[in-house]
Amino acid sequence: MDKKTQKTQSDEEIIKLVIIAASVLAVVITVILIFFSREQPYSVLYLKSYSNYLENKSVSFVYGVESHESKKASYRLSILFNGKSLRNETFELDAGGKREQNIILDLPLDSPSFIYEVFPAKVELLLEVEKRNYTVHFWLSESER
């Protein structure tokens, strides 16, 4: 063999090693990206329907929660009227579970803590799950004008 043939074979071996090393590196990077790019768990809080007006000192709405958590999760829902707590409830949903609930709240507008409330008023739902908070709200007027 002459020197030119030996150099060509040596170059071919180097190229083969580089291709093998690049392939192994590509597989390792792909596995790492797949492992670390898993979807983060989350939940969805929404209002399905609501009324913007008081009816006989009460407010009604339908809210929903969808769980996109990785396992069964415990939820805490707070319903606030201008920042004042009206109702708190807890419930659990399985991963992929859904809950919709109709709520009718009688507002204690005659009580000392509510007598000075100003309309329009903010009705807010605050959902807590796994150290994450979700919120949704709507505005409430005393009556249709």
Protein backbone atom coordinates (compact mmCIF):
# COMPACT_ATOMS: atom_id res chain seq x y z
CA MET A 1 0.00 0.00 0.00
CA ASP A 2 1.19 3.40 -0.75
CA LYS A 3 0.92 6.41 1.54
CA LYS A 4 -2.06 7.85 -0.31
CA THR A 5 -4.12 4.66 0.17
CA GLN A 6 -3.19 4.46 3.86
CA LYS A 7 -4.19 8.11 4.39
CA THR A 8 -7.54 7.52 2.62
CA GLN A 9 -8.29 4.48 4.82
CA SER A 10 -7.28 6.44 7.93
CA ASP A 11 -9.59 9.31 6.92
CA GLU A 12 -12.45 6.89 6.31
CA GLU A 13 -12.01 5.38 9.79
CA ILE A 14 -12.03 8.84 11.37
CA ILE A 15 -15.20 9.73 9.46
CA LYS A 16 -16.85 6.47 10.61
CA LEU A 17 -15.95 7.23 14.24
CA VAL A 18 -17.28 10.79 13.95
CA ILE A 19 -20.57 9.49 12.46
CA ILE A 20 -20.93 6.91 15.25
CA ALA A 21 -20.15 9.50 17.95
CA ALA A 22 -22.64 11.97 16.43
CA SER A 23 -25.33 9.28 16.28
CA VAL A 24 -24.80 8.31 19.93
CA LEU A 25 -24.86 11.98 20.95
CA ALA A 26 -28.10 12.53 18.99
CA VAL A 27 -29.77 9.58 20.75
CA VAL A 28 -28.66 10.84 24.18
CA ILE A 29 -29.93 14.38 23.47
CA THR A 30 -33.26 13.01 22.18
CA VAL A 31 -33.77 10.91 25.34
CA ILE A 32 -32.94 13.90 27.55
CA LEU A 33 -35.35 16.18 25.66
CA ILE A 34 -38.16 13.62 25.84
CA PHE A 35 -37.60 13.09 29.56
CA PHE A 36 -37.49 16.79 30.47
CA SER A 37 -40.14 18.08 28.10
CA ARG A 38 -43.06 16.17 29.60
CA GLU A 39 -46.18 18.28 29.84
CA GLN A 40 -46.53 20.09 33.13
CA PRO A 41 -49.72 19.27 35.05
CA TYR A 42 -52.39 21.97 35.17
CA SER A 43 -56.08 22.53 35.81
CA VAL A 44 -58.70 24.70 34.13
CA LEU A 45 -61.27 26.84 35.95
CA TYR A 46 -64.05 28.39 33.88
CA LEU A 47 -67.48 29.98 34.07
CA LYS A 48 -70.00 28.15 31.91
CA SER A 49 -72.87 30.57 32.55
CA TYR A 50 -73.72 33.40 34.91
CA SER A 51 -76.09 36.29 35.42
CA ASN A 52 -74.79 39.85 35.74
CA TYR A 53 -77.81 40.87 37.80
CA LEU A 54 -79.10 40.18 41.30
CA GLU A 55 -82.36 38.28 41.55
CA ASN A 56 -84.03 38.46 44.98
CA LYS A 57 -80.66 39.18 46.64
CA SER A 58 -79.08 36.08 45.10
CA VAL A 59 -76.54 35.38 42.39
CA SER A 60 -76.37 32.26 40.25
CA PHE A 61 -73.70 30.79 38.00
CA VAL A 62 -72.27 27.53 36.73
CA TYR A 63 -68.54 26.94 37.05
CA GLY A 64 -66.40 24.10 35.83
CA VAL A 65 -63.03 22.56 36.62
CA GLU A 66 -61.03 20.28 34.34
CA SER A 67 -58.10 18.33 35.75
CA HIS A 68 -55.05 17.89 33.57
CA GLU A 69 -53.04 16.80 36.59
CA SER A 70 -50.88 13.68 36.51
CA LYS A 71 -52.79 12.05 39.40
CA LYS A 72 -55.83 12.53 41.64
CA ALA A 73 -55.77 16.07 43.02
CA SER A 74 -57.40 17.90 45.93
CA TYR A 75 -58.98 21.26 45.16
CA ARG A 76 -60.08 24.16 47.34
CA LEU A 77 -62.55 26.62 45.84
CA SER A 78 -63.27 30.01 47.42
CA ILE A 79 -66.11 32.22 46.20
CA LEU A 80 -65.61 35.92 46.98
CA PHE A 81 -67.93 38.92 46.73
CA ASN A 82 -65.91 42.15 46.45
CA GLY A 83 -63.07 40.30 48.16
CA LYS A 84 -65.20 38.95 51.03
CA SER A 85 -65.50 35.20 51.38
CA LEU A 86 -68.98 33.81 50.73
CA ARG A 87 -68.28 30.09 50.41
CA ASN A 88 -65.37 27.65 50.60
CA GLU A 89 -65.49 24.06 49.46
CA THR A 90 -63.07 21.24 48.81
CA PHE A 91 -63.29 18.38 46.35
CA GLU A 92 -61.11 15.89 44.52
CA LEU A 93 -60.81 15.07 40.84
CA ASP A 94 -59.06 12.17 39.19
CA ALA A 95 -56.51 12.91 36.47
CA GLY A 96 -58.54 13.85 33.40
CA GLY A 97 -61.66 14.43 35.52
CA LYS A 98 -64.19 17.20 35.05
CA ARG A 99 -66.67 18.88 37.40
CA GLU A 100 -69.41 21.39 36.65
CA GLN A 101 -71.60 22.79 39.38
CA ASN A 102 -74.56 25.14 39.54
CA ILE A 103 -74.26 27.64 42.40
CA ILE A 104 -77.02 29.86 43.80
CA LEU A 105 -75.83 32.16 46.57
CA ASP A 106 -78.10 34.22 48.75
CA LEU A 107 -76.15 37.40 49.44
CA PRO A 108 -76.39 38.71 53.00
CA LEU A 109 -76.77 42.30 51.79
CA ASP A 110 -78.59 43.30 55.00
CA SER A 111 -75.81 42.10 57.30
CA PRO A 112 -73.44 44.72 58.75
CA SER A 113 -70.48 43.43 56.75
CA PHE A 114 -72.32 43.70 53.41
CA ILE A 115 -74.61 46.71 53.93
CA TYR A 116 -72.13 49.16 52.38
CA GLU A 117 -71.32 47.09 49.30
CA VAL A 118 -71.16 49.04 46.09
CA PHE A 119 -72.39 47.80 42.76
CA PRO A 120 -71.20 46.71 40.31
CA ALA A 121 -69.64 44.05 42.52
CA LYS A 122 -66.95 41.55 41.62
CA VAL A 123 -67.81 37.87 42.08
CA GLU A 124 -64.56 35.92 42.03
CA LEU A 125 -63.80 32.21 42.11
CA LEU A 126 -60.36 31.25 43.42
CA LEU A 127 -59.20 27.66 42.89
CA GLU A 128 -56.17 26.26 44.71
CA VAL A 129 -54.48 22.98 43.72
CA GLU A 130 -50.93 21.74 44.32
CA LYS A 131 -49.63 25.21 45.31
CA ARG A 132 -51.06 26.76 42.14
CA ASN A 133 -53.93 29.27 42.00
CA TYR A 134 -56.47 29.83 39.24
CA THR A 135 -59.05 32.60 39.23
CA VAL A 136 -62.04 33.73 37.22
CA HIS A 137 -64.55 36.50 37.90
CA PHE A 138 -67.59 38.36 36.65
CA TRP A 139 -69.31 41.61 37.52
CA LEU A 140 -72.68 41.80 39.21
CA SER A 141 -75.14 44.73 39.07
CA GLU A 142 -78.12 45.27 41.35
CA SER A 143 -80.71 45.19 38.57
CA GLU A 144 -81.14 45.57 34.85
CA ARG A 145 -81.43 49.19 33.82
